[in-house]
N, C-alpha and C. Protein backbone atom coordinates (compact mmCIF):
# COMPACT_ATOMS: atom_id res chain seq x y z
N MET A 1 62.75 40.23 18.32
CA MET A 1 62.45 38.99 17.59
C MET A 1 61.73 38.02 18.52
N ASP A 2 60.61 37.52 18.06
CA ASP A 2 59.84 36.59 18.88
C ASP A 2 60.20 35.15 18.53
N TRP A 3 60.25 34.32 19.55
CA TRP A 3 60.57 32.92 19.33
C TRP A 3 59.35 32.06 19.61
N PRO A 4 59.18 30.97 18.88
CA PRO A 4 58.07 30.04 19.14
C PRO A 4 58.13 29.54 20.57
N TRP A 5 56.99 29.24 21.14
CA TRP A 5 56.94 28.84 22.54
C TRP A 5 57.82 27.64 22.86
N PHE A 6 57.97 26.71 21.91
CA PHE A 6 58.75 25.51 22.21
C PHE A 6 60.24 25.81 22.34
N ILE A 7 60.70 26.88 21.69
CA ILE A 7 62.10 27.26 21.84
C ILE A 7 62.34 27.74 23.27
N TRP A 8 61.38 28.51 23.78
CA TRP A 8 61.51 29.04 25.15
C TRP A 8 61.53 27.89 26.15
N LEU A 9 60.73 26.85 25.87
CA LEU A 9 60.66 25.72 26.79
C LEU A 9 61.89 24.84 26.67
N MET A 10 62.46 24.78 25.47
CA MET A 10 63.63 23.93 25.25
C MET A 10 64.90 24.55 25.84
N TYR A 11 64.93 25.88 25.89
CA TYR A 11 66.12 26.55 26.39
C TYR A 11 65.81 27.52 27.52
N PRO A 12 65.24 27.00 28.63
CA PRO A 12 64.84 27.86 29.74
C PRO A 12 65.97 28.68 30.37
N PRO A 13 67.23 28.21 30.36
CA PRO A 13 68.28 29.00 30.99
C PRO A 13 68.48 30.37 30.34
N PHE A 14 68.04 30.52 29.10
CA PHE A 14 68.24 31.78 28.41
C PHE A 14 67.13 32.78 28.71
N PHE A 15 66.10 32.33 29.45
CA PHE A 15 64.96 33.20 29.71
C PHE A 15 64.61 33.21 31.19
N ASN A 16 64.07 34.35 31.65
CA ASN A 16 63.69 34.42 33.06
C ASN A 16 62.26 33.88 33.24
N ASP A 17 61.79 33.83 34.49
CA ASP A 17 60.48 33.26 34.77
C ASP A 17 59.36 34.02 34.07
N GLU A 18 59.48 35.34 34.01
CA GLU A 18 58.44 36.14 33.38
C GLU A 18 58.30 35.79 31.90
N GLN A 19 59.46 35.63 31.24
CA GLN A 19 59.44 35.32 29.82
C GLN A 19 58.90 33.91 29.56
N ARG A 20 59.28 32.96 30.44
CA ARG A 20 58.75 31.60 30.28
C ARG A 20 57.25 31.59 30.51
N GLY A 21 56.80 32.39 31.48
CA GLY A 21 55.36 32.48 31.76
C GLY A 21 54.62 33.03 30.56
N TRP A 22 55.24 34.04 29.90
CA TRP A 22 54.62 34.63 28.71
C TRP A 22 54.54 33.59 27.61
N ALA A 23 55.60 32.82 27.46
CA ALA A 23 55.62 31.80 26.42
C ALA A 23 54.53 30.76 26.66
N LEU A 24 54.41 30.32 27.91
CA LEU A 24 53.40 29.32 28.24
C LEU A 24 52.00 29.86 28.00
N ALA A 25 51.80 31.14 28.32
CA ALA A 25 50.50 31.77 28.14
C ALA A 25 50.13 31.87 26.67
N ASN A 26 51.14 31.86 25.80
CA ASN A 26 50.91 32.01 24.37
C ASN A 26 50.91 30.69 23.61
N VAL A 27 50.96 29.58 24.35
CA VAL A 27 50.96 28.28 23.68
C VAL A 27 49.80 28.13 22.70
N PRO A 28 48.55 28.44 23.10
CA PRO A 28 47.43 28.29 22.15
C PRO A 28 47.62 29.16 20.92
N CYS A 29 48.18 30.33 21.09
CA CYS A 29 48.38 31.24 19.97
C CYS A 29 49.43 30.68 19.04
N TRP A 30 50.52 30.17 19.60
CA TRP A 30 51.59 29.61 18.78
C TRP A 30 51.10 28.39 18.00
N LEU A 31 50.24 27.58 18.65
CA LEU A 31 49.74 26.39 17.98
C LEU A 31 48.91 26.76 16.76
N GLY A 32 48.25 27.91 16.83
CA GLY A 32 47.40 28.34 15.73
C GLY A 32 48.13 29.22 14.74
N ASN A 33 49.29 29.74 15.15
CA ASN A 33 50.02 30.67 14.29
C ASN A 33 51.51 30.38 14.35
N THR A 34 51.88 29.18 13.96
CA THR A 34 53.27 28.75 14.07
C THR A 34 54.22 29.71 13.37
N TRP A 35 55.26 30.08 14.09
CA TRP A 35 56.33 30.95 13.59
C TRP A 35 55.90 32.39 13.37
N LYS A 36 54.67 32.73 13.80
CA LYS A 36 54.22 34.12 13.66
C LYS A 36 54.07 34.73 15.04
N SER A 37 54.38 36.00 15.18
CA SER A 37 54.22 36.67 16.47
C SER A 37 52.73 36.83 16.76
N CYS A 38 52.39 36.85 18.04
CA CYS A 38 50.99 36.92 18.43
C CYS A 38 50.59 38.34 18.83
């Protein structure tokens, strides 16, 4: 299950650095496709 990038940023303790990096890298995609996996 994929989570929107802002969830990853709001709850960093639940994710490791690699996952947070992936979320940040997908910010533009999430902004254009809210709640949809990229």
